[in-house]
């Protein structure tokens, strides 16, 4: 299993592609594939047929996975996209921190 710099629930900004500059929350992370699904980013339309009685058919909009290397976490204290680092605290616990302002993230 690969390690990723973003986790589910992180607010990220897209660095490249058609949605460059958009911000959103990570809905799902796929570490094995190195991809994430971000809320409101890489939205595709899917034609869906009703499979069961009562289910609606039609065109639905859904987010598609993008590579995790195309997103950067937005720091909550400085409100800018910044690289994250790992800091080992005195009690041996690992915490992520912003490399721009040094603020420790509360995960």
PDB file of N, CA and C in Angstrom:
ATOM      1  N   UNK A   1       0.835  -1.180   0.000  1.00  0.00           N
ATOM      2  CA  UNK A   1       0.000   0.000   0.000  1.00  0.00           C
ATOM      3  C   UNK A   1       0.882   1.247   0.000  1.00  0.00           C
ATOM      4  N   UNK A   2       0.583   2.173  -0.898  1.00  0.00           N
ATOM      5  CA  UNK A   2       1.368   3.400  -1.014  1.00  0.00           C
ATOM      6  C   UNK A   2       0.942   4.409   0.044  1.00  0.00           C
ATOM      7  N   UNK A   3       1.864   5.288   0.404  1.00  0.00           N
ATOM      8  CA  UNK A   3       1.547   6.397   1.298  1.00  0.00           C
ATOM      9  C   UNK A   3       1.171   7.593   0.436  1.00  0.00           C
ATOM     10  N   UNK A   4       0.166   8.347   0.903  1.00  0.00           N
ATOM     11  CA  UNK A   4      -0.270   9.525   0.155  1.00  0.00           C
ATOM     12  C   UNK A   4      -0.181  10.749   1.053  1.00  0.00           C
ATOM     13  N   UNK A   5       0.004  11.911   0.438  1.00  0.00           N
ATOM     14  CA  UNK A   5       0.128  13.153   1.189  1.00  0.00           C
ATOM     15  C   UNK A   5      -1.217  13.770   1.534  1.00  0.00           C
ATOM     16  N   UNK A   6      -2.310  13.207   0.991  1.00  0.00           N
ATOM     17  CA  UNK A   6      -3.656  13.692   1.321  1.00  0.00           C
ATOM     18  C   UNK A   6      -4.500  12.533   1.828  1.00  0.00           C
ATOM     19  N   UNK A   7      -5.443  12.867   2.702  1.00  0.00           N
ATOM     20  CA  UNK A   7      -6.343  11.865   3.266  1.00  0.00           C
ATOM     21  C   UNK A   7      -7.773  12.300   3.044  1.00  0.00           C
ATOM     22  N   UNK A   8      -8.706  11.396   3.340  1.00  0.00           N
ATOM     23  CA  UNK A   8     -10.122  11.716   3.243  1.00  0.00           C
ATOM     24  C   UNK A   8     -10.456  12.829   4.235  1.00  0.00           C
ATOM     25  N   UNK A   9     -11.154  13.840   3.751  1.00  0.00           N
ATOM     26  CA  UNK A   9     -11.537  14.967   4.605  1.00  0.00           C
ATOM     27  C   UNK A   9     -10.641  16.181   4.459  1.00  0.00           C
ATOM     28  N   UNK A  10      -9.474  16.050   3.816  1.00  0.00           N
ATOM     29  CA  UNK A  10      -8.579  17.193   3.609  1.00  0.00           C
ATOM     30  C   UNK A  10      -9.163  18.144   2.566  1.00  0.00           C
ATOM     31  N   UNK A  11      -8.954  19.443   2.760  1.00  0.00           N
ATOM     32  CA  UNK A  11      -9.307  20.427   1.746  1.00  0.00           C
ATOM     33  C   UNK A  11      -8.093  20.595   0.843  1.00  0.00           C
ATOM     34  N   UNK A  12      -8.298  20.442  -0.459  1.00  0.00           N
ATOM     35  CA  UNK A  12      -7.190  20.489  -1.410  1.00  0.00           C
ATOM     36  C   UNK A  12      -7.491  21.463  -2.536  1.00  0.00           C
ATOM     37  N   UNK A  13      -6.420  21.867  -3.236  1.00  0.00           N
ATOM     38  CA  UNK A  13      -6.539  22.714  -4.421  1.00  0.00           C
ATOM     39  C   UNK A  13      -5.931  21.962  -5.589  1.00  0.00           C
ATOM     40  N   UNK A  14      -6.593  22.031  -6.750  1.00  0.00           N
ATOM     41  CA  UNK A  14      -6.124  21.334  -7.946  1.00  0.00           C
ATOM     42  C   UNK A  14      -5.017  22.164  -8.589  1.00  0.00           C
ATOM     43  N   UNK A  15      -3.889  21.509  -8.923  1.00  0.00           N
ATOM     44  CA  UNK A  15      -2.713  22.191  -9.468  1.00  0.00           C
ATOM     45  C   UNK A  15      -2.681  22.230 -10.987  1.00  0.00           C
ATOM     46  N   UNK A  16      -3.273  21.230 -11.654  1.00  0.00           N
ATOM     47  CA  UNK A  16      -3.212  21.188 -13.110  1.00  0.00           C
ATOM     48  C   UNK A  16      -4.455  20.528 -13.678  1.00  0.00           C
ATOM     49  N   UNK A  17      -4.668  20.734 -14.968  1.00  0.00           N
ATOM     50  CA  UNK A  17      -5.809  20.137 -15.646  1.00  0.00           C
ATOM     51  C   UNK A  17      -6.915  21.152 -15.881  1.00  0.00           C
ATOM     52  N   UNK A  18      -8.068  20.664 -16.325  1.00  0.00           N
ATOM     53  CA  UNK A  18      -9.168  21.561 -16.668  1.00  0.00           C
ATOM     54  C   UNK A  18      -9.783  22.235 -15.451  1.00  0.00           C
ATOM     55  N   UNK A  19      -9.606  21.659 -14.267  1.00  0.00           N
ATOM     56  CA  UNK A  19     -10.155  22.224 -13.028  1.00  0.00           C
ATOM     57  C   UNK A  19      -9.086  22.931 -12.192  1.00  0.00           C
ATOM     58  N   UNK A  20      -8.025  23.399 -12.822  1.00  0.00           N
ATOM     59  CA  UNK A  20      -6.922  24.047 -12.117  1.00  0.00           C
ATOM     60  C   UNK A  20      -7.422  25.236 -11.291  1.00  0.00           C
ATOM     61  N   UNK A  21      -7.001  25.276 -10.015  1.00  0.00           N
ATOM     62  CA  UNK A  21      -7.380  26.374  -9.134  1.00  0.00           C
ATOM     63  C   UNK A  21      -8.603  26.096  -8.276  1.00  0.00           C
ATOM     64  N   UNK A  22      -9.374  25.076  -8.615  1.00  0.00           N
ATOM     65  CA  UNK A  22     -10.567  24.754  -7.823  1.00  0.00           C
ATOM     66  C   UNK A  22     -10.168  24.116  -6.498  1.00  0.00           C
ATOM     67  N   UNK A  23     -10.979  24.400  -5.475  1.00  0.00           N
ATOM     68  CA  UNK A  23     -10.759  23.800  -4.168  1.00  0.00           C
ATOM     69  C   UNK A  23     -11.932  22.914  -3.812  1.00  0.00           C
ATOM     70  N   UNK A  24     -11.661  21.866  -3.069  1.00  0.00           N
ATOM     71  CA  UNK A  24     -12.713  20.956  -2.639  1.00  0.00           C
ATOM     72  C   UNK A  24     -12.202  20.013  -1.580  1.00  0.00           C
ATOM     73  N   UNK A  25     -13.114  19.258  -1.004  1.00  0.00           N
ATOM     74  CA  UNK A  25     -12.784  18.303   0.045  1.00  0.00           C
ATOM     75  C   UNK A  25     -12.591  16.932  -0.576  1.00  0.00           C
ATOM     76  N   UNK A  26     -11.597  16.184  -0.080  1.00  0.00           N
ATOM     77  CA  UNK A  26     -11.346  14.833  -0.573  1.00  0.00           C
ATOM     78  C   UNK A  26     -12.443  13.924  -0.029  1.00  0.00           C
ATOM     79  N   UNK A  27     -13.208  13.309  -0.949  1.00  0.00           N
ATOM     80  CA  UNK A  27     -14.295  12.410  -0.566  1.00  0.00           C
ATOM     81  C   UNK A  27     -13.749  11.008  -0.307  1.00  0.00           C
ATOM     82  N   UNK A  28     -12.926  10.527  -1.236  1.00  0.00           N
ATOM     83  CA  UNK A  28     -12.368   9.183  -1.151  1.00  0.00           C
ATOM     84  C   UNK A  28     -10.931   9.203  -1.630  1.00  0.00           C
ATOM     85  N   UNK A  29     -10.086   8.384  -1.003  1.00  0.00           N
ATOM     86  CA  UNK A  29      -8.694   8.240  -1.425  1.00  0.00           C
ATOM     87  C   UNK A  29      -8.440   6.782  -1.795  1.00  0.00           C
ATOM     88  N   UNK A  30      -7.729   6.576  -2.901  1.00  0.00           N
ATOM     89  CA  UNK A  30      -7.363   5.239  -3.359  1.00  0.00           C
ATOM     90  C   UNK A  30      -5.836   5.135  -3.362  1.00  0.00           C
ATOM     91  N   UNK A  31      -5.220   4.787  -2.218  1.00  0.00           N
ATOM     92  CA  UNK A  31      -3.755   4.757  -2.132  1.00  0.00           C
ATOM     93  C   UNK A  31      -3.092   3.778  -3.094  1.00  0.00           C
ATOM     94  N   UNK A  32      -3.727   2.647  -3.363  1.00  0.00           N
ATOM     95  CA  UNK A  32      -3.134   1.648  -4.261  1.00  0.00           C
ATOM     96  C   UNK A  32      -3.006   2.189  -5.682  1.00  0.00           C
ATOM     97  N   UNK A  33      -3.949   3.031  -6.090  1.00  0.00           N
ATOM     98  CA  UNK A  33      -3.928   3.610  -7.437  1.00  0.00           C
ATOM     99  C   UNK A  33      -3.291   4.991  -7.463  1.00  0.00           C
ATOM    100  N   UNK A  34      -3.111   5.604  -6.296  1.00  0.00           N
ATOM    101  CA  UNK A  34      -2.555   6.953  -6.224  1.00  0.00           C
ATOM    102  C   UNK A  34      -3.540   8.012  -6.685  1.00  0.00           C
ATOM    103  N   UNK A  35      -4.843   7.764  -6.470  1.00  0.00           N
ATOM    104  CA  UNK A  35      -5.872   8.686  -6.934  1.00  0.00           C
ATOM    105  C   UNK A  35      -6.780   9.114  -5.781  1.00  0.00           C
ATOM    106  N   UNK A  36      -7.451  10.252  -5.987  1.00  0.00           N
ATOM    107  CA  UNK A  36      -8.420  10.766  -5.028  1.00  0.00           C
ATOM    108  C   UNK A  36      -9.656  11.261  -5.773  1.00  0.00           C
ATOM    109  N   UNK A  37     -10.786  11.282  -5.065  1.00  0.00           N
ATOM    110  CA  UNK A  37     -12.004  11.891  -5.593  1.00  0.00           C
ATOM    111  C   UNK A  37     -12.238  13.154  -4.786  1.00  0.00           C
ATOM    112  N   UNK A  38     -12.295  14.301  -5.485  1.00  0.00           N
ATOM    113  CA  UNK A  38     -12.456  15.602  -4.841  1.00  0.00           C
ATOM    114  C   UNK A  38     -13.843  16.140  -5.170  1.00  0.00           C
ATOM    115  N   UNK A  39     -14.490  16.690  -4.165  1.00  0.00           N
ATOM    116  CA  UNK A  39     -15.839  17.225  -4.283  1.00  0.00           C
ATOM    117  C   UNK A  39     -15.876  18.385  -5.288  1.00  0.00           C
ATOM    118  N   UNK A  40     -16.697  18.252  -6.339  1.00  0.00           N
ATOM    119  CA  UNK A  40     -16.876  19.307  -7.325  1.00  0.00           C
ATOM    120  C   UNK A  40     -15.787  19.415  -8.369  1.00  0.00           C
ATOM    121  N   UNK A  41     -14.871  18.451  -8.421  1.00  0.00           N
ATOM    122  CA  UNK A  41     -13.754  18.475  -9.371  1.00  0.00           C
ATOM    123  C   UNK A  41     -13.842  17.239 -10.262  1.00  0.00           C
ATOM    124  N   UNK A  42     -13.521  17.390 -11.539  1.00  0.00           N
ATOM    125  CA  UNK A  42     -13.541  16.303 -12.530  1.00  0.00           C
ATOM    126  C   UNK A  42     -14.919  15.656 -12.577  1.00  0.00           C
ATOM    127  N   UNK A  43     -15.933  16.491 -12.753  1.00  0.00           N
ATOM    128  CA  UNK A  43     -17.310  16.008 -12.791  1.00  0.00           C
ATOM    129  C   UNK A  43     -17.629  15.508 -14.199  1.00  0.00           C
ATOM    130  N   UNK A  44     -18.178  14.287 -14.274  1.00  0.00           N
ATOM    131  CA  UNK A  44     -18.556  13.687 -15.550  1.00  0.00           C
ATOM    132  C   UNK A  44     -20.043  13.364 -15.514  1.00  0.00           C
ATOM    133  N   UNK A  45     -20.658  13.312 -16.709  1.00  0.00           N
ATOM    134  CA  UNK A  45     -22.060  12.929 -16.810  1.00  0.00           C
ATOM    135  C   UNK A  45     -22.144  11.459 -17.173  1.00  0.00           C
ATOM    136  N   UNK A  46     -23.047  10.755 -16.510  1.00  0.00           N
ATOM    137  CA  UNK A  46     -23.212   9.324 -16.745  1.00  0.00           C
ATOM    138  C   UNK A  46     -24.679   9.051 -17.042  1.00  0.00           C
ATOM    139  N   UNK A  47     -24.933   8.314 -18.125  1.00  0.00           N
ATOM    140  CA  UNK A  47     -26.295   7.928 -18.478  1.00  0.00           C
ATOM    141  C   UNK A  47     -26.618   6.655 -17.712  1.00  0.00           C
ATOM    142  N   UNK A  48     -27.611   6.732 -16.844  1.00  0.00           N
ATOM    143  CA  UNK A  48     -27.935   5.595 -15.990  1.00  0.00           C
ATOM    144  C   UNK A  48     -29.349   5.108 -16.273  1.00  0.00           C
ATOM    145  N   UNK A  49     -29.484   3.805 -16.394  1.00  0.00           N
ATOM    146  CA  UNK A  49     -30.772   3.174 -16.630  1.00  0.00           C
ATOM    147  C   UNK A  49     -31.322   2.667 -15.294  1.00  0.00           C
ATOM    148  N   UNK A  50     -32.620   2.773 -15.109  1.00  0.00           N
ATOM    149  CA  UNK A  50     -33.239   2.282 -13.882  1.00  0.00           C
ATOM    150  C   UNK A  50     -33.129   0.761 -13.847  1.00  0.00           C
ATOM    151  N   UNK A  51     -32.546   0.229 -12.800  1.00  0.00           N
ATOM    152  CA  UNK A  51     -32.344  -1.222 -12.684  1.00  0.00           C
ATOM    153  C   UNK A  51     -33.438  -1.884 -11.849  1.00  0.00           C
ATOM    154  N   UNK A  52     -33.964  -1.155 -10.855  1.00  0.00           N
ATOM    155  CA  UNK A  52     -35.012  -1.699 -10.006  1.00  0.00           C
ATOM    156  C   UNK A  52     -36.231  -0.791 -10.093  1.00  0.00           C
ATOM    157  N   UNK A  53     -37.368  -1.340  -9.701  1.00  0.00           N
ATOM    158  CA  UNK A  53     -38.589  -0.549  -9.711  1.00  0.00           C
ATOM    159  C   UNK A  53     -38.472   0.559  -8.670  1.00  0.00           C
ATOM    160  N   UNK A  54     -38.783   1.776  -9.069  1.00  0.00           N
ATOM    161  CA  UNK A  54     -38.684   2.915  -8.161  1.00  0.00           C
ATOM    162  C   UNK A  54     -37.382   3.685  -8.326  1.00  0.00           C
ATOM    163  N   UNK A  55     -36.376   3.089  -8.951  1.00  0.00           N
ATOM    164  CA  UNK A  55     -35.103   3.772  -9.185  1.00  0.00           C
ATOM    165  C   UNK A  55     -35.243   4.669 -10.406  1.00  0.00           C
ATOM    166  N   UNK A  56     -34.666   5.859 -10.344  1.00  0.00           N
ATOM    167  CA  UNK A  56     -34.792   6.805 -11.447  1.00  0.00           C
ATOM    168  C   UNK A  56     -33.705   6.571 -12.487  1.00  0.00           C
ATOM    169  N   UNK A  57     -34.064   6.816 -13.718  1.00  0.00           N
ATOM    170  CA  UNK A  57     -33.079   6.751 -14.788  1.00  0.00           C
ATOM    171  C   UNK A  57     -32.840   8.165 -15.290  1.00  0.00           C
ATOM    172  N   UNK A  58     -31.752   8.351 -15.999  1.00  0.00           N
ATOM    173  CA  UNK A  58     -31.445   9.666 -16.543  1.00  0.00           C
ATOM    174  C   UNK A  58     -29.954   9.933 -16.534  1.00  0.00           C
ATOM    175  N   UNK A  59     -29.616  11.191 -16.712  1.00  0.00           N
ATOM    176  CA  UNK A  59     -28.218  11.598 -16.747  1.00  0.00           C
ATOM    177  C   UNK A  59     -27.848  12.112 -15.362  1.00  0.00           C
ATOM    178  N   UNK A  60     -26.864  11.457 -14.737  1.00  0.00           N
ATOM    179  CA  UNK A  60     -26.420  11.881 -13.407  1.00  0.00           C
ATOM    180  C   UNK A  60     -25.013  12.450 -13.510  1.00  0.00           C
ATOM    181  N   UNK A  61     -24.684  13.346 -12.596  1.00  0.00           N
ATOM    182  CA  UNK A  61     -23.347  13.944 -12.551  1.00  0.00           C
ATOM    183  C   UNK A  61     -22.593  13.303 -11.397  1.00  0.00           C
ATOM    184  N   UNK A  62     -21.355  12.875 -11.661  1.00  0.00           N
ATOM    185  CA  UNK A  62     -20.563  12.227 -10.628  1.00  0.00           C
ATOM    186  C   UNK A  62     -19.101  12.638 -10.749  1.00  0.00           C
ATOM    187  N   UNK A  63     -18.424  12.684  -9.611  1.00  0.00           N
ATOM    188  CA  UNK A  63     -17.005  13.019  -9.598  1.00  0.00           C
ATOM    189  C   UNK A  63     -16.188  11.793  -9.988  1.00  0.00           C
ATOM    190  N   UNK A  64     -15.145  12.010 -10.779  1.00  0.00           N
ATOM    191  CA  UNK A  64     -14.266  10.920 -11.182  1.00  0.00           C
ATOM    192  C   UNK A  64     -12.915  11.084 -10.498  1.00  0.00           C
ATOM    193  N   UNK A  65     -12.176   9.990 -10.317  1.00  0.00           N
ATOM    194  CA  UNK A  65     -10.874  10.077  -9.640  1.00  0.00           C
ATOM    195  C   UNK A  65      -9.844  10.850 -10.458  1.00  0.00           C
ATOM    196  N   UNK A  66      -8.983  11.593  -9.750  1.00  0.00           N
ATOM    197  CA  UNK A  66      -7.840  12.265 -10.382  1.00  0.00           C
ATOM    198  C   UNK A  66      -6.588  11.850  -9.619  1.00  0.00           C
ATOM    199  N   UNK A  67      -5.441  12.008 -10.238  1.00  0.00           N
ATOM    200  CA  UNK A  67      -4.186  11.635  -9.591  1.00  0.00           C
ATOM    201  C   UNK A  67      -3.913  12.534  -8.392  1.00  0.00           C
ATOM    202  N   UNK A  68      -3.436  11.939  -7.314  1.00  0.00           N
ATOM    203  CA  UNK A  68      -3.159  12.675  -6.082  1.00  0.00           C
ATOM    204  C   UNK A  68      -2.014  13.667  -6.267  1.00  0.00           C
ATOM    205  N   UNK A  69      -1.159  13.447  -7.253  1.00  0.00           N
ATOM    206  CA  UNK A  69      -0.048  14.362  -7.494  1.00  0.00           C
ATOM    207  C   UNK A  69      -0.526  15.687  -8.092  1.00  0.00           C
ATOM    208  N   UNK A  70      -1.771  15.735  -8.547  1.00  0.00           N
ATOM    209  CA  UNK A  70      -2.327  16.961  -9.125  1.00  0.00           C
ATOM    210  C   UNK A  70      -3.006  17.846  -8.094  1.00  0.00           C
ATOM    211  N   UNK A  71      -3.023  17.424  -6.823  1.00  0.00           N
ATOM    212  CA  UNK A  71      -3.663  18.222  -5.779  1.00  0.00           C
ATOM    213  C   UNK A  71      -2.669  18.527  -4.657  1.00  0.00           C
ATOM    214  N   UNK A  72      -2.925  19.640  -3.962  1.00  0.00           N
ATOM    215  CA  UNK A  72      -2.093  20.033  -2.829  1.00  0.00           C
ATOM    216  C   UNK A  72      -3.005  20.476  -1.690  1.00  0.00           C
ATOM    217  N   UNK A  73      -2.680  20.058  -0.493  1.00  0.00           N
ATOM    218  CA  UNK A  73      -3.505  20.380   0.667  1.00  0.00           C
ATOM    219  C   UNK A  73      -3.465  21.870   0.960  1.00  0.00           C
ATOM    220  N   UNK A  74      -4.624  22.425   1.325  1.00  0.00           N
ATOM    221  CA  UNK A  74      -4.730  23.833   1.695  1.00  0.00           C
ATOM    222  C   UNK A  74      -4.606  23.906   3.208  1.00  0.00           C
ATOM    223  N   UNK A  75      -3.656  24.708   3.688  1.00  0.00           N
ATOM    224  CA  UNK A  75      -3.429  24.869   5.127  1.00  0.00           C
ATOM    225  C   UNK A  75      -4.582  25.673   5.728  1.00  0.00           C
ATOM    226  N   UNK A  76      -5.067  25.223   6.873  1.00  0.00           N
ATOM    227  CA  UNK A  76      -6.195  25.896   7.513  1.00  0.00           C
ATOM    228  C   UNK A  76      -5.794  27.201   8.186  1.00  0.00           C
ATOM    229  N   UNK A  77      -4.530  27.354   8.564  1.00  0.00           N
ATOM    230  CA  UNK A  77      -4.115  28.582   9.245  1.00  0.00           C
ATOM    231  C   UNK A  77      -3.668  29.676   8.279  1.00  0.00           C
ATOM    232  N   UNK A  78      -2.925  29.327   7.218  1.00  0.00           N
ATOM    233  CA  UNK A  78      -2.469  30.360   6.277  1.00  0.00           C
ATOM    234  C   UNK A  78      -3.342  30.432   5.018  1.00  0.00           C
ATOM    235  N   UNK A  79      -4.308  29.515   4.869  1.00  0.00           N
ATOM    236  CA  UNK A  79      -5.254  29.473   3.740  1.00  0.00           C
ATOM    237  C   UNK A  79      -4.582  29.475   2.380  1.00  0.00           C
ATOM    238  N   UNK A  80      -3.444  28.823   2.273  1.00  0.00           N
ATOM    239  CA  UNK A  80      -2.725  28.691   1.004  1.00  0.00           C
ATOM    240  C   UNK A  80      -2.379  27.224   0.785  1.00  0.00           C
ATOM    241  N   UNK A  81      -2.311  26.795  -0.488  1.00  0.00           N
ATOM    242  CA  UNK A  81      -1.853  25.426  -0.726  1.00  0.00           C
ATOM    243  C   UNK A  81      -0.380  25.297  -0.359  1.00  0.00           C
ATOM    244  N   UNK A  82      -0.063  24.281   0.424  1.00  0.00           N
ATOM    245  CA  UNK A  82       1.311  24.114   0.892  1.00  0.00           C
ATOM    246  C   UNK A  82       1.661  22.640   0.984  1.00  0.00           C
ATOM    247  N   UNK A  83       2.949  22.354   0.870  1.00  0.00           N
ATOM    248  CA  UNK A  83       3.420  20.990   1.029  1.00  0.00           C
ATOM    249  C   UNK A  83       3.260  20.576   2.487  1.00  0.00           C
ATOM    250  N   UNK A  84       3.098  19.284   2.706  1.00  0.00           N
ATOM    251  CA  UNK A  84       2.976  18.783   4.064  1.00  0.00           C
ATOM    252  C   UNK A  84       4.203  17.962   4.418  1.00  0.00           C
ATOM    253  N   UNK A  85       4.566  18.030   5.668  1.00  0.00           N
ATOM    254  CA  UNK A  85       5.668  17.240   6.181  1.00  0.00           C
ATOM    255  C   UNK A  85       5.191  16.433   7.358  1.00  0.00           C
ATOM    256  N   UNK A  86       6.030  15.497   7.828  1.00  0.00           N
ATOM    257  CA  UNK A  86       5.684  14.683   8.984  1.00  0.00           C
ATOM    258  C   UNK A  86       6.643  15.025  10.108  1.00  0.00           C
ATOM    259  N   UNK A  87       6.079  15.350  11.248  1.00  0.00           N
ATOM    260  CA  UNK A  87       6.854  15.713  12.428  1.00  0.00           C
ATOM    261  C   UNK A  87       6.547  14.692  13.524  1.00  0.00           C
ATOM    262  N   UNK A  88       7.595  14.193  14.191  1.00  0.00           N
ATOM    263  CA  UNK A  88       7.413  13.254  15.289  1.00  0.00           C
ATOM    264  C   UNK A  88       7.409  14.047  16.587  1.00  0.00           C
ATOM    265  N   UNK A  89       6.322  13.945  17.330  1.00  0.00           N
ATOM    266  CA  UNK A  89       6.170  14.683  18.581  1.00  0.00           C
ATOM    267  C   UNK A  89       6.921  13.990  19.709  1.00  0.00           C
ATOM    268  N   UNK A  90       6.955  14.636  20.884  1.00  0.00           N
ATOM    269  CA  UNK A  90       7.698  14.109  22.028  1.00  0.00           C
ATOM    270  C   UNK A  90       7.198  12.739  22.481  1.00  0.00           C
ATOM    271  N   UNK A  91       5.890  12.500  22.353  1.00  0.00           N
ATOM    272  CA  UNK A  91       5.329  11.222  22.791  1.00  0.00           C
ATOM    273  C   UNK A  91       5.435  10.134  21.716  1.00  0.00           C
ATOM    274  N   UNK A  92       6.135  10.407  20.621  1.00  0.00           N
ATOM    275  CA  UNK A  92       6.347   9.432  19.560  1.00  0.00           C
ATOM    276  C   UNK A  92       5.258   9.403  18.510  1.00  0.00           C
ATOM    277  N   UNK A  93       4.289  10.291  18.624  1.00  0.00           N
ATOM    278  CA  UNK A  93       3.178  10.343  17.684  1.00  0.00           C
ATOM    279  C   UNK A  93       3.590  11.124  16.434  1.00  0.00           C
ATOM    280  N   UNK A  94       3.178  10.644  15.246  1.00  0.00           N
ATOM    281  CA  UNK A  94       3.476  11.328  13.990  1.00  0.00           C
ATOM    282  C   UNK A  94       2.343  12.275  13.651  1.00  0.00           C
ATOM    283  N   UNK A  95       2.668  13.505  13.294  1.00  0.00           N
ATOM    284  CA  UNK A  95       1.670  14.508  12.911  1.00  0.00           C
ATOM    285  C   UNK A  95       2.111  15.167  11.615  1.00  0.00           C
ATOM    286  N   UNK A  96       1.146  15.524  10.774  1.00  0.00           N
ATOM    287  CA  UNK A  96       1.443  16.266   9.551  1.00  0.00           C
ATOM    288  C   UNK A  96       1.462  17.753   9.873  1.00  0.00           C
ATOM    289  N   UNK A  97       2.324  18.494   9.172  1.00  0.00           N
ATOM    290  CA  UNK A  97       2.414  19.939   9.388  1.00  0.00           C
ATOM    291  C   UNK A  97       2.607  20.662   8.065  1.00  0.00           C
ATOM    292  N   UNK A  98       2.269  21.960   8.070  1.00  0.00           N
ATOM    293  CA  UNK A  98       2.401  22.816   6.898  1.00  0.00           C
ATOM    294  C   UNK A  98       3.856  23.265   6.783  1.00  0.00           C
ATOM    295  N   UNK A  99       4.462  23.077   5.622  1.00  0.00           N
ATOM    296  CA  UNK A  99       5.856  23.478   5.447  1.00  0.00           C
ATOM    297  C   UNK A  99       5.999  24.973   5.186  1.00  0.00           C
ATOM    298  N   UNK A 100       4.853  25.672   4.959  1.00  0.00           N
ATOM    299  CA  UNK A 100       4.898  27.104   4.721  1.00  0.00           C
ATOM    300  C   UNK A 100       4.892  27.893   6.028  1.00  0.00           C
ATOM    301  N   UNK A 101       3.954  27.527   6.929  1.00  0.00           N
ATOM    302  CA  UNK A 101       3.828  28.294   8.179  1.00  0.00           C
ATOM    303  C   UNK A 101       4.236  27.491   9.409  1.00  0.00           C
ATOM    304  N   UNK A 102       4.422  26.173   9.284  1.00  0.00           N
ATOM    305  CA  UNK A 102       4.859  25.342  10.408  1.00  0.00           C
ATOM    306  C   UNK A 102       3.726  24.876  11.316  1.00  0.00           C
ATOM    307  N   UNK A 103       2.483  25.178  10.970  1.00  0.00           N
ATOM    308  CA  UNK A 103       1.336  24.798  11.803  1.00  0.00           C
ATOM    309  C   UNK A 103       1.093  23.288  11.711  1.00  0.00           C
ATOM    310  N   UNK A 104       0.861  22.652  12.862  1.00  0.00           N
ATOM    311  CA  UNK A 104       0.568  21.217  12.911  1.00  0.00           C
ATOM    312  C   UNK A 104      -0.914  21.007  12.634  1.00  0.00           C
ATOM    313  N   UNK A 105      -1.229  20.080  11.730  1.00  0.00           N
ATOM    314  CA  UNK A 105      -2.631  19.785  11.382  1.00  0.00           C
ATOM    315  C   UNK A 105      -3.243  18.903  12.445  1.00  0.00           C
ATOM    316  N   UNK A 106      -4.511  19.149  12.765  1.00  0.00           N
ATOM    317  CA  UNK A 106      -5.247  18.312  13.696  1.00  0.00           C
ATOM    318  C   UNK A 106      -6.033  17.284  12.894  1.00  0.00           C
ATOM    319  N   UNK A 107      -5.471  16.086  12.758  1.00  0.00           N
ATOM    320  CA  UNK A 107      -6.119  15.044  11.948  1.00  0.00           C
ATOM    321  C   UNK A 107      -7.089  14.247  12.777  1.00  0.00           C
TER     322      UNK A 107
END
